[in-house]
Protein backbone atom coordinates (compact mmCIF):
# COMPACT_ATOMS: atom_id res chain seq x y z
CA MET A 1 -7.50 -8.11 25.45
CA ARG A 2 -4.43 -6.09 24.52
CA LEU A 3 -4.05 -5.17 20.86
CA GLU A 4 -1.15 -2.80 20.35
CA ARG A 5 -0.70 -2.02 16.65
CA ILE A 6 -1.18 -3.34 13.14
CA HIS A 7 1.40 -6.07 12.53
CA HIS A 8 0.86 -6.37 8.78
CA ALA A 9 -1.54 -5.81 5.93
CA ALA A 10 -1.82 -8.43 3.18
CA ILE A 11 -2.29 -7.51 -0.47
CA ILE A 12 -2.96 -9.89 -3.37
CA CYS A 13 -1.69 -8.47 -6.65
CA SER A 14 -2.46 -9.33 -10.26
CA ASP A 15 1.10 -8.92 -11.62
CA TYR A 16 3.79 -9.77 -9.09
CA ALA A 17 6.71 -8.18 -10.94
CA VAL A 18 4.86 -4.89 -11.45
CA SER A 19 3.62 -4.71 -7.86
CA LYS A 20 7.00 -5.73 -6.42
CA ARG A 21 8.67 -2.92 -8.38
CA PHE A 22 6.00 -0.41 -7.25
CA TYR A 23 6.31 -1.23 -3.53
CA THR A 24 10.11 -1.63 -3.46
CA GLU A 25 11.17 1.08 -5.94
CA THR A 26 8.36 3.64 -6.06
CA LEU A 27 7.42 3.46 -2.37
CA GLU A 28 10.97 2.43 -1.38
CA LEU A 29 9.86 -0.20 1.13
CA PRO A 30 12.70 -2.57 2.10
CA VAL A 31 12.31 -6.30 1.53
CA VAL A 32 12.27 -8.44 4.70
CA ARG A 33 11.99 -11.73 2.82
CA GLU A 34 10.74 -13.15 -0.45
CA VAL A 35 9.42 -16.69 -0.72
CA HIS A 36 8.38 -18.62 -3.82
CA ARG A 37 5.65 -21.07 -2.87
CA ARG A 38 5.95 -23.62 -5.65
CA GLU A 39 3.01 -25.78 -4.49
CA ARG A 40 0.69 -22.75 -4.77
CA GLY A 41 2.32 -21.22 -7.83
CA SER A 42 2.73 -17.99 -5.91
CA TYR A 43 5.12 -15.58 -4.25
CA LYS A 44 5.00 -13.90 -0.85
CA LEU A 45 7.02 -10.72 -0.36
CA ASP A 46 7.32 -9.18 3.12
CA LEU A 47 8.02 -5.44 3.10
CA ALA A 48 9.02 -3.36 6.14
CA LEU A 49 7.67 -0.06 7.39
CA PRO A 50 9.72 2.07 9.80
CA ASP A 51 7.40 1.42 12.77
CA GLY A 52 7.85 -2.36 12.50
CA ALA A 53 4.62 -3.05 10.63
CA GLN A 54 4.82 -4.95 7.36
CA ILE A 55 3.03 -5.34 4.06
CA GLU A 56 2.69 -8.89 2.78
CA LEU A 57 2.47 -8.88 -1.02
CA PHE A 58 1.01 -12.10 -2.43
CA SER A 59 0.64 -13.41 -5.95
CA PHE A 60 -1.78 -16.20 -6.84
CA PRO A 61 -2.72 -17.68 -10.20
CA ASP A 62 -5.80 -15.87 -11.58
CA PRO A 63 -7.03 -13.99 -8.49
CA PRO A 64 -10.49 -12.43 -8.87
CA PRO A 65 -10.48 -8.66 -9.39
CA ARG A 66 -11.11 -6.24 -6.53
CA PRO A 67 -14.45 -4.41 -6.50
CA ASN A 68 -13.71 -1.00 -7.93
CA THR A 69 -15.25 1.21 -5.28
CA PRO A 70 -13.60 1.97 -1.96
CA GLU A 71 -17.01 1.66 -0.32
CA ALA A 72 -17.24 -2.08 -1.14
CA GLN A 73 -17.14 -4.45 1.82
CA GLY A 74 -13.70 -5.44 3.02
CA LEU A 75 -10.48 -3.45 3.23
CA ARG A 76 -11.16 0.12 2.14
CA HIS A 77 -7.58 1.41 1.90
CA LEU A 78 -4.15 1.45 3.53
CA ALA A 79 -2.95 4.71 5.06
CA PHE A 80 0.68 5.71 5.54
CA ALA A 81 1.61 8.47 8.01
CA THR A 82 4.15 11.15 7.09
CA PRO A 83 5.37 14.33 8.76
CA ASP A 84 5.60 16.08 5.35
CA LEU A 85 2.74 15.39 2.95
CA ASP A 86 3.97 17.83 0.30
CA GLU A 87 7.37 16.10 0.09
CA VAL A 88 5.81 12.65 -0.36
CA VAL A 89 3.38 13.96 -3.00
CA ARG A 90 6.25 15.60 -4.96
CA GLU A 91 8.31 12.40 -4.81
CA LEU A 92 5.42 10.18 -5.95
CA GLU A 93 4.55 12.54 -8.80
CA SER A 94 8.21 12.67 -9.87
CA LYS A 95 7.99 8.89 -10.25
CA GLY A 96 4.92 9.14 -12.47
CA VAL A 97 2.32 8.27 -9.82
CA TYR A 98 -0.98 10.16 -10.05
CA VAL A 99 -1.85 11.66 -6.66
CA GLU A 100 -5.30 13.11 -5.96
CA PRO A 101 -5.58 16.73 -4.79
CA VAL A 102 -4.75 17.18 -1.10
CA ARG A 103 -7.77 17.39 1.20
CA VAL A 104 -8.24 18.33 4.86
CA ASP A 105 -9.92 15.93 7.30
CA GLU A 106 -12.88 17.92 8.62
CA HIS A 107 -12.71 16.21 12.02
CA THR A 108 -8.96 16.33 12.73
CA GLY A 109 -7.81 19.24 10.56
CA ARG A 110 -5.03 17.00 9.15
CA ARG A 111 -4.12 16.94 5.47
CA PHE A 112 -4.31 13.76 3.39
CA THR A 113 -4.49 12.46 -0.15
CA PHE A 114 -4.85 9.22 -2.09
CA PHE A 115 -3.00 7.40 -4.85
CA ALA A 116 -3.29 3.82 -6.09
CA ASP A 117 -1.05 0.78 -6.44
CA PRO A 118 -0.78 -1.01 -9.82
CA ASP A 119 -4.00 -2.95 -9.12
CA GLY A 120 -5.98 0.14 -8.15
CA LEU A 121 -5.81 -0.49 -4.39
CA PRO A 122 -6.36 2.90 -2.76
CA LEU A 123 -3.38 4.06 -0.70
CA GLU A 124 -3.61 7.11 1.55
CA ILE A 125 -0.91 9.45 2.77
CA TYR A 126 -1.90 11.11 6.05
CA GLU A 127 0.09 14.02 7.47
CA ASP A 128 0.74 13.15 11.09
């Protein structure tokens, strides 16, 4: 078996317009394509990351809420790599995003922090 990298991560949001604005304007991810799926009453927005990976942002009518603890079963968080953690933190905060205090990974010595998307999905920034 030869798995090479993450191709995409899929996120279901509660308010498509709010989440679309967050991922495209706040995080500045470029849109690959946007599809309205009339039969499902939903949208699918594909967003690009520089390494070729993508985020698929879905909307569905009345999705159930996410468990509120990152230790719940399922996806814990998404992590984005950056060469300059301080720059990303400053930019997010300048856009009104609350960013947790920076921590140091005790095993790797690398710095990281967390913030959340509009639905409370934990997002990590990891200094690579």
